Amino acid sequence: MTKAEIIAEISSKTGIEKVDVQETVEAFFKVVKTSMQSGENVYVRGFGSFVVKKRAKKTARNISKNTAIIIPEHFVPSFKPAKTFVEKVKSGNKK
């Protein structure tokens, strides 16, 4: 399902104009992005958590050149679904 399909479905279920739904969805994504860029986690009860994870500094190998490179510590975005969300997906219909 694409973002456009999500916007169309929300619009049809709520009766709100697609333009307004699109602005709301875009604003939600922008808030999540800016919060995570500043190191804050975002928790949506019943859905899941958008979490910033820290990756430690490590040594990696380039096998073709037989050299070692250092990968510095960095942060990556992650999503952890809520338990209720996971249970609903597990018990849902599979195609």
PDB file of N, CA and C in Angstrom:
ATOM      1  N   MET A   1       0.851  -1.177   0.000  1.00  0.00           N
ATOM      2  CA  MET A   1       0.000   0.000   0.000  1.00  0.00           C
ATOM      3  C   MET A   1       0.893   1.234   0.000  1.00  0.00           C
ATOM      4  N   THR A   2       0.603   2.161  -0.884  1.00  0.00           N
ATOM      5  CA  THR A   2       1.403   3.379  -0.987  1.00  0.00           C
ATOM      6  C   THR A   2       0.787   4.498  -0.143  1.00  0.00           C
ATOM      7  N   LYS A   3       1.549   5.584  -0.002  1.00  0.00           N
ATOM      8  CA  LYS A   3       1.052   6.736   0.752  1.00  0.00           C
ATOM      9  C   LYS A   3      -0.204   7.301   0.095  1.00  0.00           C
ATOM     10  N   ALA A   4      -0.237   7.333  -1.231  1.00  0.00           N
ATOM     11  CA  ALA A   4      -1.411   7.845  -1.954  1.00  0.00           C
ATOM     12  C   ALA A   4      -2.637   6.975  -1.677  1.00  0.00           C
ATOM     13  N   GLU A   5      -2.444   5.672  -1.632  1.00  0.00           N
ATOM     14  CA  GLU A   5      -3.560   4.767  -1.331  1.00  0.00           C
ATOM     15  C   GLU A   5      -4.055   4.945   0.097  1.00  0.00           C
ATOM     16  N   ILE A   6      -3.131   5.175   1.024  1.00  0.00           N
ATOM     17  CA  ILE A   6      -3.513   5.425   2.420  1.00  0.00           C
ATOM     18  C   ILE A   6      -4.329   6.703   2.506  1.00  0.00           C
ATOM     19  N   ILE A   7      -3.883   7.750   1.834  1.00  0.00           N
ATOM     20  CA  ILE A   7      -4.591   9.031   1.845  1.00  0.00           C
ATOM     21  C   ILE A   7      -5.982   8.870   1.251  1.00  0.00           C
ATOM     22  N   ALA A   8      -6.104   8.150   0.147  1.00  0.00           N
ATOM     23  CA  ALA A   8      -7.406   7.941  -0.495  1.00  0.00           C
ATOM     24  C   ALA A   8      -8.347   7.163   0.426  1.00  0.00           C
ATOM     25  N   GLU A   9      -7.831   6.146   1.107  1.00  0.00           N
ATOM     26  CA  GLU A   9      -8.680   5.350   1.998  1.00  0.00           C
ATOM     27  C   GLU A   9      -9.135   6.155   3.211  1.00  0.00           C
ATOM     28  N   ILE A  10      -8.227   6.931   3.814  1.00  0.00           N
ATOM     29  CA  ILE A  10      -8.613   7.772   4.950  1.00  0.00           C
ATOM     30  C   ILE A  10      -9.661   8.783   4.507  1.00  0.00           C
ATOM     31  N   SER A  11      -9.466   9.364   3.333  1.00  0.00           N
ATOM     32  CA  SER A  11     -10.409  10.343   2.818  1.00  0.00           C
ATOM     33  C   SER A  11     -11.790   9.732   2.609  1.00  0.00           C
ATOM     34  N   SER A  12     -11.836   8.531   2.050  1.00  0.00           N
ATOM     35  CA  SER A  12     -13.137   7.904   1.793  1.00  0.00           C
ATOM     36  C   SER A  12     -13.826   7.470   3.090  1.00  0.00           C
ATOM     37  N   LYS A  13     -13.052   7.064   4.096  1.00  0.00           N
ATOM     38  CA  LYS A  13     -13.655   6.608   5.359  1.00  0.00           C
ATOM     39  C   LYS A  13     -14.104   7.753   6.249  1.00  0.00           C
ATOM     40  N   THR A  14     -13.416   8.894   6.158  1.00  0.00           N
ATOM     41  CA  THR A  14     -13.755  10.015   7.042  1.00  0.00           C
ATOM     42  C   THR A  14     -14.569  11.102   6.363  1.00  0.00           C
ATOM     43  N   GLY A  15     -14.538  11.154   5.035  1.00  0.00           N
ATOM     44  CA  GLY A  15     -15.248  12.209   4.329  1.00  0.00           C
ATOM     45  C   GLY A  15     -14.465  13.507   4.256  1.00  0.00           C
ATOM     46  N   ILE A  16     -13.225  13.494   4.709  1.00  0.00           N
ATOM     47  CA  ILE A  16     -12.370  14.679   4.650  1.00  0.00           C
ATOM     48  C   ILE A  16     -11.715  14.733   3.277  1.00  0.00           C
ATOM     49  N   GLU A  17     -11.534  15.937   2.762  1.00  0.00           N
ATOM     50  CA  GLU A  17     -10.923  16.118   1.436  1.00  0.00           C
ATOM     51  C   GLU A  17      -9.534  15.497   1.402  1.00  0.00           C
ATOM     52  N   LYS A  18      -9.167  14.947   0.243  1.00  0.00           N
ATOM     53  CA  LYS A  18      -7.856  14.311   0.086  1.00  0.00           C
ATOM     54  C   LYS A  18      -6.712  15.279   0.364  1.00  0.00           C
ATOM     55  N   VAL A  19      -6.876  16.543  -0.024  1.00  0.00           N
ATOM     56  CA  VAL A  19      -5.823  17.542   0.180  1.00  0.00           C
ATOM     57  C   VAL A  19      -5.553  17.736   1.670  1.00  0.00           C
ATOM     58  N   ASP A  20      -6.634  17.812   2.460  1.00  0.00           N
ATOM     59  CA  ASP A  20      -6.477  17.982   3.905  1.00  0.00           C
ATOM     60  C   ASP A  20      -5.854  16.745   4.544  1.00  0.00           C
ATOM     61  N   VAL A  21      -6.265  15.569   4.091  1.00  0.00           N
ATOM     62  CA  VAL A  21      -5.697  14.328   4.616  1.00  0.00           C
ATOM     63  C   VAL A  21      -4.214  14.256   4.270  1.00  0.00           C
ATOM     64  N   GLN A  22      -3.862  14.645   3.047  1.00  0.00           N
ATOM     65  CA  GLN A  22      -2.467  14.615   2.628  1.00  0.00           C
ATOM     66  C   GLN A  22      -1.622  15.546   3.492  1.00  0.00           C
ATOM     67  N   GLU A  23      -2.121  16.747   3.761  1.00  0.00           N
ATOM     68  CA  GLU A  23      -1.385  17.688   4.611  1.00  0.00           C
ATOM     69  C   GLU A  23      -1.181  17.116   6.000  1.00  0.00           C
ATOM     70  N   THR A  24      -2.204  16.450   6.528  1.00  0.00           N
ATOM     71  CA  THR A  24      -2.107  15.860   7.862  1.00  0.00           C
ATOM     72  C   THR A  24      -1.093  14.726   7.898  1.00  0.00           C
ATOM     73  N   VAL A  25      -1.150  13.850   6.903  1.00  0.00           N
ATOM     74  CA  VAL A  25      -0.213  12.722   6.840  1.00  0.00           C
ATOM     75  C   VAL A  25       1.223  13.240   6.681  1.00  0.00           C
ATOM     76  N   GLU A  26       1.416  14.208   5.797  1.00  0.00           N
ATOM     77  CA  GLU A  26       2.751  14.789   5.591  1.00  0.00           C
ATOM     78  C   GLU A  26       3.252  15.449   6.880  1.00  0.00           C
ATOM     79  N   ALA A  27       2.364  16.145   7.599  1.00  0.00           N
ATOM     80  CA  ALA A  27       2.753  16.781   8.857  1.00  0.00           C
ATOM     81  C   ALA A  27       3.160  15.731   9.892  1.00  0.00           C
ATOM     82  N   PHE A  28       2.439  14.608   9.944  1.00  0.00           N
ATOM     83  CA  PHE A  28       2.782  13.526  10.864  1.00  0.00           C
ATOM     84  C   PHE A  28       4.187  12.996  10.564  1.00  0.00           C
ATOM     85  N   PHE A  29       4.449  12.713   9.281  1.00  0.00           N
ATOM     86  CA  PHE A  29       5.765  12.195   8.917  1.00  0.00           C
ATOM     87  C   PHE A  29       6.869  13.208   9.226  1.00  0.00           C
ATOM     88  N   LYS A  30       6.589  14.479   9.011  1.00  0.00           N
ATOM     89  CA  LYS A  30       7.584  15.520   9.282  1.00  0.00           C
ATOM     90  C   LYS A  30       7.903  15.596  10.773  1.00  0.00           C
ATOM     91  N   VAL A  31       6.870  15.490  11.606  1.00  0.00           N
ATOM     92  CA  VAL A  31       7.084  15.512  13.061  1.00  0.00           C
ATOM     93  C   VAL A  31       7.913  14.308  13.498  1.00  0.00           C
ATOM     94  N   VAL A  32       7.600  13.137  12.951  1.00  0.00           N
ATOM     95  CA  VAL A  32       8.350  11.926  13.302  1.00  0.00           C
ATOM     96  C   VAL A  32       9.810  12.083  12.880  1.00  0.00           C
ATOM     97  N   LYS A  33      10.048  12.573  11.656  1.00  0.00           N
ATOM     98  CA  LYS A  33      11.418  12.734  11.162  1.00  0.00           C
ATOM     99  C   LYS A  33      12.210  13.722  12.010  1.00  0.00           C
ATOM    100  N   THR A  34      11.639  14.886  12.279  1.00  0.00           N
ATOM    101  CA  THR A  34      12.378  15.901  13.043  1.00  0.00           C
ATOM    102  C   THR A  34      12.623  15.448  14.472  1.00  0.00           C
ATOM    103  N   SER A  35      11.662  14.743  15.059  1.00  0.00           N
ATOM    104  CA  SER A  35      11.855  14.234  16.418  1.00  0.00           C
ATOM    105  C   SER A  35      12.983  13.223  16.465  1.00  0.00           C
ATOM    106  N   MET A  36      13.003  12.327  15.493  1.00  0.00           N
ATOM    107  CA  MET A  36      14.045  11.303  15.478  1.00  0.00           C
ATOM    108  C   MET A  36      15.411  11.894  15.127  1.00  0.00           C
ATOM    109  N   GLN A  37      15.441  12.932  14.285  1.00  0.00           N
ATOM    110  CA  GLN A  37      16.707  13.587  13.966  1.00  0.00           C
ATOM    111  C   GLN A  37      17.306  14.235  15.206  1.00  0.00           C
ATOM    112  N   SER A  38      16.454  14.704  16.106  1.00  0.00           N
ATOM    113  CA  SER A  38      16.955  15.323  17.329  1.00  0.00           C
ATOM    114  C   SER A  38      17.183  14.293  18.441  1.00  0.00           C
ATOM    115  N   GLY A  39      16.992  13.015  18.129  1.00  0.00           N
ATOM    116  CA  GLY A  39      17.296  11.962  19.098  1.00  0.00           C
ATOM    117  C   GLY A  39      16.122  11.516  19.951  1.00  0.00           C
ATOM    118  N   GLU A  40      14.939  12.036  19.677  1.00  0.00           N
ATOM    119  CA  GLU A  40      13.757  11.658  20.457  1.00  0.00           C
ATOM    120  C   GLU A  40      13.053  10.468  19.818  1.00  0.00           C
ATOM    121  N   ASN A  41      12.517   9.595  20.662  1.00  0.00           N
ATOM    122  CA  ASN A  41      11.709   8.479  20.187  1.00  0.00           C
ATOM    123  C   ASN A  41      10.254   8.923  20.088  1.00  0.00           C
ATOM    124  N   VAL A  42       9.487   8.284  19.208  1.00  0.00           N
ATOM    125  CA  VAL A  42       8.073   8.609  19.032  1.00  0.00           C
ATOM    126  C   VAL A  42       7.267   7.353  19.343  1.00  0.00           C
ATOM    127  N   TYR A  43       6.338   7.467  20.295  1.00  0.00           N
ATOM    128  CA  TYR A  43       5.531   6.333  20.721  1.00  0.00           C
ATOM    129  C   TYR A  43       4.077   6.555  20.323  1.00  0.00           C
ATOM    130  N   VAL A  44       3.507   5.618  19.559  1.00  0.00           N
ATOM    131  CA  VAL A  44       2.103   5.679  19.167  1.00  0.00           C
ATOM    132  C   VAL A  44       1.430   4.461  19.788  1.00  0.00           C
ATOM    133  N   ARG A  45       0.685   4.693  20.855  1.00  0.00           N
ATOM    134  CA  ARG A  45       0.075   3.598  21.609  1.00  0.00           C
ATOM    135  C   ARG A  45      -0.837   2.757  20.721  1.00  0.00           C
ATOM    136  N   GLY A  46      -0.676   1.442  20.799  1.00  0.00           N
ATOM    137  CA  GLY A  46      -1.480   0.524  20.018  1.00  0.00           C
ATOM    138  C   GLY A  46      -0.952   0.293  18.608  1.00  0.00           C
ATOM    139  N   PHE A  47       0.038   1.070  18.191  1.00  0.00           N
ATOM    140  CA  PHE A  47       0.617   0.926  16.852  1.00  0.00           C
ATOM    141  C   PHE A  47       2.076   0.503  16.936  1.00  0.00           C
ATOM    142  N   GLY A  48       2.892   1.319  17.599  1.00  0.00           N
ATOM    143  CA  GLY A  48       4.300   0.976  17.743  1.00  0.00           C
ATOM    144  C   GLY A  48       5.147   2.176  18.088  1.00  0.00           C
ATOM    145  N   SER A  49       6.456   1.952  18.108  1.00  0.00           N
ATOM    146  CA  SER A  49       7.403   2.995  18.483  1.00  0.00           C
ATOM    147  C   SER A  49       8.423   3.214  17.379  1.00  0.00           C
ATOM    148  N   PHE A  50       8.663   4.471  17.068  1.00  0.00           N
ATOM    149  CA  PHE A  50       9.740   4.853  16.160  1.00  0.00           C
ATOM    150  C   PHE A  50      10.917   5.203  17.061  1.00  0.00           C
ATOM    151  N   VAL A  51      11.975   4.385  17.005  1.00  0.00           N
ATOM    152  CA  VAL A  51      13.066   4.482  17.967  1.00  0.00           C
ATOM    153  C   VAL A  51      14.379   4.759  17.244  1.00  0.00           C
ATOM    154  N   VAL A  52      15.216   5.584  17.866  1.00  0.00           N
ATOM    155  CA  VAL A  52      16.557   5.850  17.363  1.00  0.00           C
ATOM    156  C   VAL A  52      17.494   4.873  18.078  1.00  0.00           C
ATOM    157  N   LYS A  53      18.183   4.035  17.301  1.00  0.00           N
ATOM    158  CA  LYS A  53      19.111   3.057  17.872  1.00  0.00           C
ATOM    159  C   LYS A  53      20.544   3.480  17.599  1.00  0.00           C
ATOM    160  N   LYS A  54      21.400   3.249  18.593  1.00  0.00           N
ATOM    161  CA  LYS A  54      22.807   3.592  18.476  1.00  0.00           C
ATOM    162  C   LYS A  54      23.581   2.353  18.030  1.00  0.00           C
ATOM    163  N   ARG A  55      24.373   2.502  16.995  1.00  0.00           N
ATOM    164  CA  ARG A  55      25.249   1.438  16.531  1.00  0.00           C
ATOM    165  C   ARG A  55      26.672   1.780  16.983  1.00  0.00           C
ATOM    166  N   ALA A  56      27.304   0.843  17.639  1.00  0.00           N
ATOM    167  CA  ALA A  56      28.640   1.067  18.172  1.00  0.00           C
ATOM    168  C   ALA A  56      29.684   1.096  17.061  1.00  0.00           C
ATOM    169  N   LYS A  57      30.850   1.688  17.369  1.00  0.00           N
ATOM    170  CA  LYS A  57      31.965   1.706  16.435  1.00  0.00           C
ATOM    171  C   LYS A  57      32.439   0.267  16.232  1.00  0.00           C
ATOM    172  N   LYS A  58      32.754  -0.087  14.980  1.00  0.00           N
ATOM    173  CA  LYS A  58      33.218  -1.453  14.735  1.00  0.00           C
ATOM    174  C   LYS A  58      34.203  -1.479  13.576  1.00  0.00           C
ATOM    175  N   THR A  59      34.926  -2.573  13.506  1.00  0.00           N
ATOM    176  CA  THR A  59      35.883  -2.800  12.430  1.00  0.00           C
ATOM    177  C   THR A  59      35.245  -3.747  11.423  1.00  0.00           C
ATOM    178  N   ALA A  60      35.278  -3.361  10.163  1.00  0.00           N
ATOM    179  CA  ALA A  60      34.724  -4.192   9.100  1.00  0.00           C
ATOM    180  C   ALA A  60      35.851  -4.582   8.142  1.00  0.00           C
ATOM    181  N   ARG A  61      35.629  -5.632   7.383  1.00  0.00           N
ATOM    182  CA  ARG A  61      36.632  -6.111   6.441  1.00  0.00           C
ATOM    183  C   ARG A  61      36.149  -5.923   5.008  1.00  0.00           C
ATOM    184  N   ASN A  62      37.028  -5.405   4.161  1.00  0.00           N
ATOM    185  CA  ASN A  62      36.784  -5.375   2.726  1.00  0.00           C
ATOM    186  C   ASN A  62      37.495  -6.599   2.158  1.00  0.00           C
ATOM    187  N   ILE A  63      36.741  -7.633   1.865  1.00  0.00           N
ATOM    188  CA  ILE A  63      37.326  -8.913   1.489  1.00  0.00           C
ATOM    189  C   ILE A  63      38.085  -8.822   0.171  1.00  0.00           C
ATOM    190  N   SER A  64      37.576  -8.063  -0.798  1.00  0.00           N
ATOM    191  CA  SER A  64      38.236  -8.003  -2.102  1.00  0.00           C
ATOM    192  C   SER A  64      39.614  -7.341  -2.034  1.00  0.00           C
ATOM    193  N   LYS A  65      39.769  -6.348  -1.174  1.00  0.00           N
ATOM    194  CA  LYS A  65      41.062  -5.655  -1.048  1.00  0.00           C
ATOM    195  C   LYS A  65      41.853  -6.144   0.161  1.00  0.00           C
ATOM    196  N   ASN A  66      41.233  -6.993   0.978  1.00  0.00           N
ATOM    197  CA  ASN A  66      41.845  -7.517   2.191  1.00  0.00           C
ATOM    198  C   ASN A  66      42.323  -6.399   3.115  1.00  0.00           C
ATOM    199  N   THR A  67      41.442  -5.435   3.344  1.00  0.00           N
ATOM    200  CA  THR A  67      41.749  -4.322   4.230  1.00  0.00           C
ATOM    201  C   THR A  67      40.667  -4.214   5.298  1.00  0.00           C
ATOM    202  N   ALA A  68      41.043  -3.570   6.400  1.00  0.00           N
ATOM    203  CA  ALA A  68      40.097  -3.321   7.479  1.00  0.00           C
ATOM    204  C   ALA A  68      39.711  -1.847   7.449  1.00  0.00           C
ATOM    205  N   ILE A  69      38.426  -1.581   7.665  1.00  0.00           N
ATOM    206  CA  ILE A  69      37.974  -0.191   7.762  1.00  0.00           C
ATOM    207  C   ILE A  69      37.223  -0.024   9.071  1.00  0.00           C
ATOM    208  N   ILE A  70      37.277   1.163   9.599  1.00  0.00           N
ATOM    209  CA  ILE A  70      36.593   1.474  10.850  1.00  0.00           C
ATOM    210  C   ILE A  70      35.267   2.148  10.506  1.00  0.00           C
ATOM    211  N   ILE A  71      34.188   1.590  11.019  1.00  0.00           N
ATOM    212  CA  ILE A  71      32.870   2.213  10.863  1.00  0.00           C
ATOM    213  C   ILE A  71      32.582   2.940  12.172  1.00  0.00           C
ATOM    214  N   PRO A  72      32.466   4.262  12.140  1.00  0.00           N
ATOM    215  CA  PRO A  72      32.248   5.009  13.385  1.00  0.00           C
ATOM    216  C   PRO A  72      30.868   4.736  13.978  1.00  0.00           C
ATOM    217  N   GLU A  73      30.719   5.086  15.250  1.00  0.00           N
ATOM    218  CA  GLU A  73      29.402   4.917  15.867  1.00  0.00           C
ATOM    219  C   GLU A  73      28.416   5.837  15.177  1.00  0.00           C
ATOM    220  N   HIS A  74      27.190   5.348  15.024  1.00  0.00           N
ATOM    221  CA  HIS A  74      26.168   6.136  14.331  1.00  0.00           C
ATOM    222  C   HIS A  74      24.787   5.718  14.833  1.00  0.00           C
ATOM    223  N   PHE A  75      23.784   6.460  14.417  1.00  0.00           N
ATOM    224  CA  PHE A  75      22.419   6.213  14.847  1.00  0.00           C
ATOM    225  C   PHE A  75      21.566   5.827  13.646  1.00  0.00           C
ATOM    226  N   VAL A  76      20.640   4.889  13.848  1.00  0.00           N
ATOM    227  CA  VAL A  76      19.754   4.441  12.774  1.00  0.00           C
ATOM    228  C   VAL A  76      18.312   4.458  13.270  1.00  0.00           C
ATOM    229  N   PRO A  77      17.366   4.795  12.383  1.00  0.00           N
ATOM    230  CA  PRO A  77      15.963   4.744  12.780  1.00  0.00           C
ATOM    231  C   PRO A  77      15.463   3.308  12.783  1.00  0.00           C
ATOM    232  N   SER A  78      14.520   3.031  13.671  1.00  0.00           N
ATOM    233  CA  SER A  78      13.969   1.690  13.783  1.00  0.00           C
ATOM    234  C   SER A  78      12.501   1.798  14.164  1.00  0.00           C
ATOM    235  N   PHE A  79      11.726   0.782  13.807  1.00  0.00           N
ATOM    236  CA  PHE A  79      10.318   0.729  14.192  1.00  0.00           C
ATOM    237  C   PHE A  79      10.074  -0.555  14.954  1.00  0.00           C
ATOM    238  N   LYS A  80       9.445  -0.433  16.109  1.00  0.00           N
ATOM    239  CA  LYS A  80       9.087  -1.610  16.890  1.00  0.00           C
ATOM    240  C   LYS A  80       7.565  -1.613  17.043  1.00  0.00           C
ATOM    241  N   PRO A  81       6.887  -2.592  16.430  1.00  0.00           N
ATOM    242  CA  PRO A  81       5.427  -2.617  16.511  1.00  0.00           C
ATOM    243  C   PRO A  81       4.942  -2.960  17.913  1.00  0.00           C
ATOM    244  N   ALA A  82       3.760  -2.450  18.268  1.00  0.00           N
ATOM    245  CA  ALA A  82       3.152  -2.748  19.565  1.00  0.00           C
ATOM    246  C   ALA A  82       2.683  -4.197  19.587  1.00  0.00           C
ATOM    247  N   LYS A  83       2.589  -4.770  20.785  1.00  0.00           N
ATOM    248  CA  LYS A  83       2.179  -6.170  20.920  1.00  0.00           C
ATOM    249  C   LYS A  83       0.801  -6.411  20.328  1.00  0.00           C
ATOM    250  N   THR A  84      -0.133  -5.495  20.557  1.00  0.00           N
ATOM    251  CA  THR A  84      -1.485  -5.670  20.013  1.00  0.00           C
ATOM    252  C   THR A  84      -1.478  -5.639  18.492  1.00  0.00           C
ATOM    253  N   PHE A  85      -0.635  -4.795  17.923  1.00  0.00           N
ATOM    254  CA  PHE A  85      -0.500  -4.701  16.468  1.00  0.00           C
ATOM    255  C   PHE A  85       0.056  -6.007  15.905  1.00  0.00           C
ATOM    256  N   VAL A  86       1.069  -6.550  16.561  1.00  0.00           N
ATOM    257  CA  VAL A  86       1.676  -7.812  16.120  1.00  0.00           C
ATOM    258  C   VAL A  86       0.653  -8.941  16.185  1.00  0.00           C
ATOM    259  N   GLU A  87      -0.131  -8.991  17.263  1.00  0.00           N
ATOM    260  CA  GLU A  87      -1.135 -10.051  17.420  1.00  0.00           C
ATOM    261  C   GLU A  87      -2.195  -9.958  16.328  1.00  0.00           C
ATOM    262  N   LYS A  88      -2.639  -8.746  15.985  1.00  0.00           N
ATOM    263  CA  LYS A  88      -3.643  -8.575  14.945  1.00  0.00           C
ATOM    264  C   LYS A  88      -3.117  -9.001  13.584  1.00  0.00           C
ATOM    265  N   VAL A  89      -1.842  -8.716  13.313  1.00  0.00           N
ATOM    266  CA  VAL A  89      -1.250  -9.125  12.032  1.00  0.00           C
ATOM    267  C   VAL A  89      -1.102 -10.650  11.986  1.00  0.00           C
ATOM    268  N   LYS A  90      -0.693 -11.242  13.101  1.00  0.00           N
ATOM    269  CA  LYS A  90      -0.519 -12.697  13.143  1.00  0.00           C
ATOM    270  C   LYS A  90      -1.841 -13.424  12.928  1.00  0.00           C
ATOM    271  N   SER A  91      -2.918 -12.900  13.506  1.00  0.00           N
ATOM    272  CA  SER A  91      -4.220 -13.561  13.398  1.00  0.00           C
ATOM    273  C   SER A  91      -5.003 -13.138  12.161  1.00  0.00           C
ATOM    274  N   GLY A  92      -4.466 -12.202  11.382  1.00  0.00           N
ATOM    275  CA  GLY A  92      -5.155 -11.715  10.180  1.00  0.00           C
ATOM    276  C   GLY A  92      -5.131 -12.711   9.050  1.00  0.00           C
ATOM    277  N   ASN A  93      -5.877 -12.393   8.006  1.00  0.00           N
ATOM    278  CA  ASN A  93      -5.941 -13.257   6.821  1.00  0.00           C
ATOM    279  C   ASN A  93      -4.675 -13.089   5.988  1.00  0.00           C
ATOM    280  N   LYS A  94      -4.111 -14.193   5.583  1.00  0.00           N
ATOM    281  CA  LYS A  94      -2.932 -14.175   4.723  1.00  0.00           C
ATOM    282  C   LYS A  94      -3.354 -14.435   3.293  1.00  0.00           C
ATOM    283  N   LYS A  95      -2.688 -13.791   2.349  1.00  0.00           N
ATOM    284  CA  LYS A  95      -2.990 -13.995   0.931  1.00  0.00           C
ATOM    285  C   LYS A  95      -2.119 -15.068   0.358  1.00  0.00           C
TER     286      LYS A  95
END
